[in-house]
Amino acid sequence: TILDQRVLPTQIWHVESGAGRIALTGVFW
């Protein structure tokens, strides 16, 4: 394989609330 991906998938936080997800995605954009 050309690219051997090494990720650190451990979840630090996960916001489930729709409003929270929209707010944080809004901060991103």
PDB file of all heavy atoms in Angstrom:
ATOM      1  N   THR A   1       0.857  -1.190   0.000  1.00  0.00           N
ATOM      2  CA  THR A   1       0.000   0.000   0.000  1.00  0.00           C
ATOM      3  C   THR A   1       0.887   1.232   0.000  1.00  0.00           C
ATOM      4  O   THR A   1       1.927   1.273   0.677  1.00  0.00           O
ATOM      5  CB  THR A   1      -0.927   0.046   1.229  1.00  0.00           C
ATOM      6  OG1 THR A   1      -0.124   0.040   2.404  1.00  0.00           O
ATOM      7  CG2 THR A   1      -1.893  -1.113   1.251  1.00  0.00           C
ATOM      8  N   ILE A   2       0.484   2.203  -0.759  1.00  0.00           N
ATOM      9  CA  ILE A   2       1.260   3.437  -0.865  1.00  0.00           C
ATOM     10  C   ILE A   2       1.195   4.229   0.431  1.00  0.00           C
ATOM     11  O   ILE A   2       2.175   4.767   0.896  1.00  0.00           O
ATOM     12  CB  ILE A   2       0.762   4.281  -2.048  1.00  0.00           C
ATOM     13  CG1 ILE A   2       1.081   3.543  -3.349  1.00  0.00           C
ATOM     14  CG2 ILE A   2       1.407   5.660  -2.043  1.00  0.00           C
ATOM     15  CD1 ILE A   2       0.526   4.203  -4.577  1.00  0.00           C
ATOM     16  N   LEU A   3       0.024   4.293   1.018  1.00  0.00           N
ATOM     17  CA  LEU A   3      -0.164   5.090   2.221  1.00  0.00           C
ATOM     18  C   LEU A   3      -0.677   4.186   3.337  1.00  0.00           C
ATOM     19  O   LEU A   3      -1.769   3.652   3.263  1.00  0.00           O
ATOM     20  CB  LEU A   3      -1.165   6.225   1.956  1.00  0.00           C
ATOM     21  CG  LEU A   3      -1.459   7.147   3.119  1.00  0.00           C
ATOM     22  CD1 LEU A   3      -0.201   7.889   3.546  1.00  0.00           C
ATOM     23  CD2 LEU A   3      -2.531   8.139   2.743  1.00  0.00           C
ATOM     24  N   ASP A   4       0.141   4.014   4.347  1.00  0.00           N
ATOM     25  CA  ASP A   4      -0.271   3.226   5.492  1.00  0.00           C
ATOM     26  C   ASP A   4      -0.753   4.209   6.552  1.00  0.00           C
ATOM     27  O   ASP A   4       0.037   4.936   7.131  1.00  0.00           O
ATOM     28  CB  ASP A   4       0.918   2.406   5.997  1.00  0.00           C
ATOM     29  CG  ASP A   4       0.525   1.449   7.112  1.00  0.00           C
ATOM     30  OD1 ASP A   4      -0.680   1.213   7.284  1.00  0.00           O
ATOM     31  OD2 ASP A   4       1.428   0.945   7.788  1.00  0.00           O
ATOM     32  N   GLN A   5      -2.053   4.258   6.757  1.00  0.00           N
ATOM     33  CA  GLN A   5      -2.641   5.228   7.651  1.00  0.00           C
ATOM     34  C   GLN A   5      -2.500   4.802   9.108  1.00  0.00           C
ATOM     35  O   GLN A   5      -2.795   3.680   9.468  1.00  0.00           O
ATOM     36  CB  GLN A   5      -4.119   5.377   7.312  1.00  0.00           C
ATOM     37  CG  GLN A   5      -4.589   6.763   7.357  1.00  0.00           C
ATOM     38  CD  GLN A   5      -6.033   6.844   6.886  1.00  0.00           C
ATOM     39  OE1 GLN A   5      -6.698   5.855   6.679  1.00  0.00           O
ATOM     40  NE2 GLN A   5      -6.516   8.058   6.761  1.00  0.00           N
ATOM     41  N   ARG A   6      -2.025   5.711   9.920  1.00  0.00           N
ATOM     42  CA  ARG A   6      -1.958   5.498  11.365  1.00  0.00           C
ATOM     43  C   ARG A   6      -2.843   6.557  12.006  1.00  0.00           C
ATOM     44  O   ARG A   6      -2.560   7.744  11.918  1.00  0.00           O
ATOM     45  CB  ARG A   6      -0.532   5.667  11.890  1.00  0.00           C
ATOM     46  CG  ARG A   6       0.481   4.820  11.201  1.00  0.00           C
ATOM     47  CD  ARG A   6       0.519   3.461  11.797  1.00  0.00           C
ATOM     48  NE  ARG A   6       1.572   2.719  11.123  1.00  0.00           N
ATOM     49  CZ  ARG A   6       1.618   1.436  11.083  1.00  0.00           C
ATOM     50  NH1 ARG A   6       0.697   0.728  11.674  1.00  0.00           N
ATOM     51  NH2 ARG A   6       2.581   0.816  10.453  1.00  0.00           N
ATOM     52  N   VAL A   7      -3.894   6.129  12.635  1.00  0.00           N
ATOM     53  CA  VAL A   7      -4.812   7.080  13.251  1.00  0.00           C
ATOM     54  C   VAL A   7      -4.843   6.860  14.754  1.00  0.00           C
ATOM     55  O   VAL A   7      -4.480   5.804  15.251  1.00  0.00           O
ATOM     56  CB  VAL A   7      -6.240   6.950  12.671  1.00  0.00           C
ATOM     57  CG1 VAL A   7      -6.269   7.308  11.209  1.00  0.00           C
ATOM     58  CG2 VAL A   7      -6.797   5.565  12.888  1.00  0.00           C
ATOM     59  N   LEU A   8      -5.272   7.893  15.445  1.00  0.00           N
ATOM     60  CA  LEU A   8      -5.488   7.807  16.890  1.00  0.00           C
ATOM     61  C   LEU A   8      -6.984   7.989  17.102  1.00  0.00           C
ATOM     62  O   LEU A   8      -7.462   9.091  17.350  1.00  0.00           O
ATOM     63  CB  LEU A   8      -4.693   8.902  17.616  1.00  0.00           C
ATOM     64  CG  LEU A   8      -3.178   8.857  17.423  1.00  0.00           C
ATOM     65  CD1 LEU A   8      -2.528  10.103  18.011  1.00  0.00           C
ATOM     66  CD2 LEU A   8      -2.600   7.611  18.050  1.00  0.00           C
ATOM     67  N   PRO A   9      -7.761   6.909  16.967  1.00  0.00           N
ATOM     68  CA  PRO A   9      -9.215   7.028  16.929  1.00  0.00           C
ATOM     69  C   PRO A   9      -9.906   7.169  18.284  1.00  0.00           C
ATOM     70  O   PRO A   9     -11.116   7.359  18.324  1.00  0.00           O
ATOM     71  CB  PRO A   9      -9.641   5.724  16.261  1.00  0.00           C
ATOM     72  CG  PRO A   9      -8.604   4.740  16.698  1.00  0.00           C
ATOM     73  CD  PRO A   9      -7.316   5.531  16.767  1.00  0.00           C
ATOM     74  N   THR A  10      -9.155   7.099  19.386  1.00  0.00           N
ATOM     75  CA  THR A  10      -9.788   7.184  20.699  1.00  0.00           C
ATOM     76  C   THR A  10     -10.616   8.458  20.799  1.00  0.00           C
ATOM     77  O   THR A  10     -10.126   9.549  20.516  1.00  0.00           O
ATOM     78  CB  THR A  10      -8.718   7.182  21.816  1.00  0.00           C
ATOM     79  OG1 THR A  10      -7.924   6.020  21.676  1.00  0.00           O
ATOM     80  CG2 THR A  10      -9.356   7.233  23.193  1.00  0.00           C
ATOM     81  N   GLN A  11     -11.852   8.313  21.191  1.00  0.00           N
ATOM     82  CA  GLN A  11     -12.758   9.449  21.251  1.00  0.00           C
ATOM     83  C   GLN A  11     -12.529  10.250  22.529  1.00  0.00           C
ATOM     84  O   GLN A  11     -12.557   9.703  23.627  1.00  0.00           O
ATOM     85  CB  GLN A  11     -14.189   8.942  21.180  1.00  0.00           C
ATOM     86  CG  GLN A  11     -15.180  10.012  20.853  1.00  0.00           C
ATOM     87  CD  GLN A  11     -16.521   9.406  20.525  1.00  0.00           C
ATOM     88  OE1 GLN A  11     -17.189   8.902  21.406  1.00  0.00           O
ATOM     89  NE2 GLN A  11     -16.882   9.451  19.259  1.00  0.00           N
ATOM     90  N   ILE A  12     -12.284  11.542  22.378  1.00  0.00           N
ATOM     91  CA  ILE A  12     -12.110  12.444  23.516  1.00  0.00           C
ATOM     92  C   ILE A  12     -13.461  13.039  23.893  1.00  0.00           C
ATOM     93  O   ILE A  12     -13.834  13.067  25.049  1.00  0.00           O
ATOM     94  CB  ILE A  12     -11.097  13.563  23.200  1.00  0.00           C
ATOM     95  CG1 ILE A  12      -9.760  12.980  22.722  1.00  0.00           C
ATOM     96  CG2 ILE A  12     -10.920  14.501  24.393  1.00  0.00           C
ATOM     97  CD1 ILE A  12      -9.070  12.062  23.706  1.00  0.00           C
ATOM     98  N   TRP A  13     -14.179  13.545  22.900  1.00  0.00           N
ATOM     99  CA  TRP A  13     -15.555  13.957  23.129  1.00  0.00           C
ATOM    100  C   TRP A  13     -16.393  13.710  21.883  1.00  0.00           C
ATOM    101  O   TRP A  13     -15.885  13.671  20.770  1.00  0.00           O
ATOM    102  CB  TRP A  13     -15.687  15.394  23.617  1.00  0.00           C
ATOM    103  CG  TRP A  13     -15.424  16.503  22.641  1.00  0.00           C
ATOM    104  CD1 TRP A  13     -16.157  16.837  21.533  1.00  0.00           C
ATOM    105  CD2 TRP A  13     -14.382  17.478  22.716  1.00  0.00           C
ATOM    106  NE1 TRP A  13     -15.634  17.939  20.915  1.00  0.00           N
ATOM    107  CE2 TRP A  13     -14.540  18.361  21.621  1.00  0.00           C
ATOM    108  CE3 TRP A  13     -13.337  17.705  23.609  1.00  0.00           C
ATOM    109  CZ2 TRP A  13     -13.692  19.436  21.396  1.00  0.00           C
ATOM    110  CZ3 TRP A  13     -12.505  18.771  23.370  1.00  0.00           C
ATOM    111  CH2 TRP A  13     -12.677  19.613  22.277  1.00  0.00           C
ATOM    112  N   HIS A  14     -17.680  13.526  22.140  1.00  0.00           N
ATOM    113  CA  HIS A  14     -18.659  13.320  21.068  1.00  0.00           C
ATOM    114  C   HIS A  14     -19.931  14.009  21.514  1.00  0.00           C
ATOM    115  O   HIS A  14     -20.520  13.646  22.523  1.00  0.00           O
ATOM    116  CB  HIS A  14     -18.913  11.825  20.844  1.00  0.00           C
ATOM    117  CG  HIS A  14     -20.062  11.555  19.923  1.00  0.00           C
ATOM    118  ND1 HIS A  14     -19.982  11.707  18.566  1.00  0.00           N
ATOM    119  CD2 HIS A  14     -21.336  11.173  20.189  1.00  0.00           C
ATOM    120  CE1 HIS A  14     -21.154  11.417  18.026  1.00  0.00           C
ATOM    121  NE2 HIS A  14     -21.993  11.090  18.989  1.00  0.00           N
ATOM    122  N   VAL A  15     -20.315  15.037  20.793  1.00  0.00           N
ATOM    123  CA  VAL A  15     -21.526  15.783  21.128  1.00  0.00           C
ATOM    124  C   VAL A  15     -22.682  15.184  20.338  1.00  0.00           C
ATOM    125  O   VAL A  15     -22.651  15.160  19.108  1.00  0.00           O
ATOM    126  CB  VAL A  15     -21.345  17.285  20.802  1.00  0.00           C
ATOM    127  CG1 VAL A  15     -22.628  18.050  21.057  1.00  0.00           C
ATOM    128  CG2 VAL A  15     -20.193  17.858  21.606  1.00  0.00           C
ATOM    129  N   GLU A  16     -23.668  14.679  21.063  1.00  0.00           N
ATOM    130  CA  GLU A  16     -24.813  14.043  20.406  1.00  0.00           C
ATOM    131  C   GLU A  16     -25.948  15.016  20.154  1.00  0.00           C
ATOM    132  O   GLU A  16     -26.717  14.840  19.208  1.00  0.00           O
ATOM    133  CB  GLU A  16     -25.304  12.857  21.243  1.00  0.00           C
ATOM    134  CG  GLU A  16     -24.325  11.714  21.223  1.00  0.00           C
ATOM    135  CD  GLU A  16     -24.885  10.463  21.890  1.00  0.00           C
ATOM    136  OE1 GLU A  16     -26.119  10.317  21.932  1.00  0.00           O
ATOM    137  OE2 GLU A  16     -24.071   9.661  22.354  1.00  0.00           O
ATOM    138  N   SER A  17     -26.069  16.027  20.987  1.00  0.00           N
ATOM    139  CA  SER A  17     -27.144  17.001  20.856  1.00  0.00           C
ATOM    140  C   SER A  17     -27.100  17.674  19.489  1.00  0.00           C
ATOM    141  O   SER A  17     -26.045  18.127  19.040  1.00  0.00           O
ATOM    142  CB  SER A  17     -26.996  18.060  21.949  1.00  0.00           C
ATOM    143  OG  SER A  17     -27.558  19.287  21.578  1.00  0.00           O
ATOM    144  N   GLY A  18     -28.254  17.746  18.844  1.00  0.00           N
ATOM    145  CA  GLY A  18     -28.319  18.384  17.530  1.00  0.00           C
ATOM    146  C   GLY A  18     -27.856  19.831  17.572  1.00  0.00           C
ATOM    147  O   GLY A  18     -27.089  20.277  16.724  1.00  0.00           O
ATOM    148  N   ALA A  19     -28.301  20.563  18.587  1.00  0.00           N
ATOM    149  CA  ALA A  19     -27.919  21.971  18.719  1.00  0.00           C
ATOM    150  C   ALA A  19     -26.418  22.097  18.982  1.00  0.00           C
ATOM    151  O   ALA A  19     -25.755  22.984  18.438  1.00  0.00           O
ATOM    152  CB  ALA A  19     -28.718  22.632  19.829  1.00  0.00           C
ATOM    153  N   GLY A  20     -25.893  21.221  19.814  1.00  0.00           N
ATOM    154  CA  GLY A  20     -24.455  21.246  20.109  1.00  0.00           C
ATOM    155  C   GLY A  20     -23.615  20.939  18.876  1.00  0.00           C
ATOM    156  O   GLY A  20     -22.594  21.579  18.626  1.00  0.00           O
ATOM    157  N   ARG A  21     -24.046  19.955  18.114  1.00  0.00           N
ATOM    158  CA  ARG A  21     -23.323  19.596  16.878  1.00  0.00           C
ATOM    159  C   ARG A  21     -23.357  20.754  15.887  1.00  0.00           C
ATOM    160  O   ARG A  21     -22.351  21.078  15.269  1.00  0.00           O
ATOM    161  CB  ARG A  21     -23.902  18.338  16.258  1.00  0.00           C
ATOM    162  CG  ARG A  21     -23.651  17.081  17.073  1.00  0.00           C
ATOM    163  CD  ARG A  21     -24.051  15.828  16.348  1.00  0.00           C
ATOM    164  NE  ARG A  21     -23.132  15.498  15.260  1.00  0.00           N
ATOM    165  CZ  ARG A  21     -21.931  14.941  15.418  1.00  0.00           C
ATOM    166  NH1 ARG A  21     -21.493  14.658  16.626  1.00  0.00           N
ATOM    167  NH2 ARG A  21     -21.187  14.661  14.378  1.00  0.00           N
ATOM    168  N   ILE A  22     -24.527  21.377  15.762  1.00  0.00           N
ATOM    169  CA  ILE A  22     -24.652  22.519  14.840  1.00  0.00           C
ATOM    170  C   ILE A  22     -23.769  23.672  15.309  1.00  0.00           C
ATOM    171  O   ILE A  22     -23.075  24.302  14.505  1.00  0.00           O
ATOM    172  CB  ILE A  22     -26.130  22.954  14.714  1.00  0.00           C
ATOM    173  CG1 ILE A  22     -26.902  21.892  13.928  1.00  0.00           C
ATOM    174  CG2 ILE A  22     -26.250  24.311  14.052  1.00  0.00           C
ATOM    175  CD1 ILE A  22     -28.405  22.076  13.953  1.00  0.00           C
ATOM    176  N   ALA A  23     -23.766  23.934  16.620  1.00  0.00           N
ATOM    177  CA  ALA A  23     -22.959  25.033  17.160  1.00  0.00           C
ATOM    178  C   ALA A  23     -21.474  24.794  16.918  1.00  0.00           C
ATOM    179  O   ALA A  23     -20.757  25.692  16.450  1.00  0.00           O
ATOM    180  CB  ALA A  23     -23.232  25.205  18.657  1.00  0.00           C
ATOM    181  N   LEU A  24     -20.980  23.588  17.209  1.00  0.00           N
ATOM    182  CA  LEU A  24     -19.561  23.310  17.021  1.00  0.00           C
ATOM    183  C   LEU A  24     -19.168  23.268  15.547  1.00  0.00           C
ATOM    184  O   LEU A  24     -18.084  23.725  15.175  1.00  0.00           O
ATOM    185  CB  LEU A  24     -19.174  22.014  17.726  1.00  0.00           C
ATOM    186  CG  LEU A  24     -19.100  22.138  19.243  1.00  0.00           C
ATOM    187  CD1 LEU A  24     -18.980  20.769  19.897  1.00  0.00           C
ATOM    188  CD2 LEU A  24     -17.945  23.035  19.648  1.00  0.00           C
ATOM    189  N   THR A  25     -20.044  22.758  14.710  1.00  0.00           N
ATOM    190  CA  THR A  25     -19.775  22.783  13.277  1.00  0.00           C
ATOM    191  C   THR A  25     -19.783  24.229  12.774  1.00  0.00           C
ATOM    192  O   THR A  25     -18.980  24.601  11.921  1.00  0.00           O
ATOM    193  CB  THR A  25     -20.808  21.921  12.515  1.00  0.00           C
ATOM    194  OG1 THR A  25     -20.741  20.582  13.021  1.00  0.00           O
ATOM    195  CG2 THR A  25     -20.529  21.905  11.024  1.00  0.00           C
ATOM    196  N   GLY A  26     -20.661  25.044  13.353  1.00  0.00           N
ATOM    197  CA  GLY A  26     -20.684  26.470  13.028  1.00  0.00           C
ATOM    198  C   GLY A  26     -19.390  27.158  13.417  1.00  0.00           C
ATOM    199  O   GLY A  26     -18.881  28.011  12.672  1.00  0.00           O
ATOM    200  N   VAL A  27     -18.840  26.805  14.579  1.00  0.00           N
ATOM    201  CA  VAL A  27     -17.544  27.363  15.009  1.00  0.00           C
ATOM    202  C   VAL A  27     -16.458  26.979  14.001  1.00  0.00           C
ATOM    203  O   VAL A  27     -15.625  27.811  13.624  1.00  0.00           O
ATOM    204  CB  VAL A  27     -17.173  26.875  16.430  1.00  0.00           C
ATOM    205  CG1 VAL A  27     -15.730  27.195  16.770  1.00  0.00           C
ATOM    206  CG2 VAL A  27     -18.124  27.475  17.452  1.00  0.00           C
ATOM    207  N   PHE A  28     -16.468  25.725  13.556  1.00  0.00           N
ATOM    208  CA  PHE A  28     -15.519  25.247  12.560  1.00  0.00           C
ATOM    209  C   PHE A  28     -15.581  26.110  11.295  1.00  0.00           C
ATOM    210  O   PHE A  28     -14.565  26.641  10.834  1.00  0.00           O
ATOM    211  CB  PHE A  28     -15.826  23.780  12.229  1.00  0.00           C
ATOM    212  CG  PHE A  28     -15.079  23.225  11.054  1.00  0.00           C
ATOM    213  CD1 PHE A  28     -13.787  22.759  11.198  1.00  0.00           C
ATOM    214  CD2 PHE A  28     -15.679  23.149   9.798  1.00  0.00           C
ATOM    215  CE1 PHE A  28     -13.098  22.235  10.111  1.00  0.00           C
ATOM    216  CE2 PHE A  28     -15.006  22.627   8.719  1.00  0.00           C
ATOM    217  CZ  PHE A  28     -13.704  22.167   8.868  1.00  0.00           C
ATOM    218  N   TRP A  29     -16.776  26.260  10.726  1.00  0.00           N
ATOM    219  CA  TRP A  29     -16.919  27.026   9.483  1.00  0.00           C
ATOM    220  C   TRP A  29     -16.677  28.514   9.691  1.00  0.00           C
ATOM    221  O   TRP A  29     -16.127  29.196   8.815  1.00  0.00           O
ATOM    222  CB  TRP A  29     -18.273  26.760   8.833  1.00  0.00           C
ATOM    223  CG  TRP A  29     -18.316  25.403   8.221  1.00  0.00           C
ATOM    224  CD1 TRP A  29     -19.058  24.334   8.634  1.00  0.00           C
ATOM    225  CD2 TRP A  29     -17.541  24.937   7.107  1.00  0.00           C
ATOM    226  NE1 TRP A  29     -18.796  23.235   7.838  1.00  0.00           N
ATOM    227  CE2 TRP A  29     -17.874  23.585   6.892  1.00  0.00           C
ATOM    228  CE3 TRP A  29     -16.595  25.533   6.275  1.00  0.00           C
ATOM    229  CZ2 TRP A  29     -17.298  22.818   5.880  1.00  0.00           C
ATOM    230  CZ3 TRP A  29     -16.027  24.775   5.261  1.00  0.00           C
ATOM    231  CH2 TRP A  29     -16.375  23.442   5.072  1.00  0.00           C
TER     232      TRP A  29
END
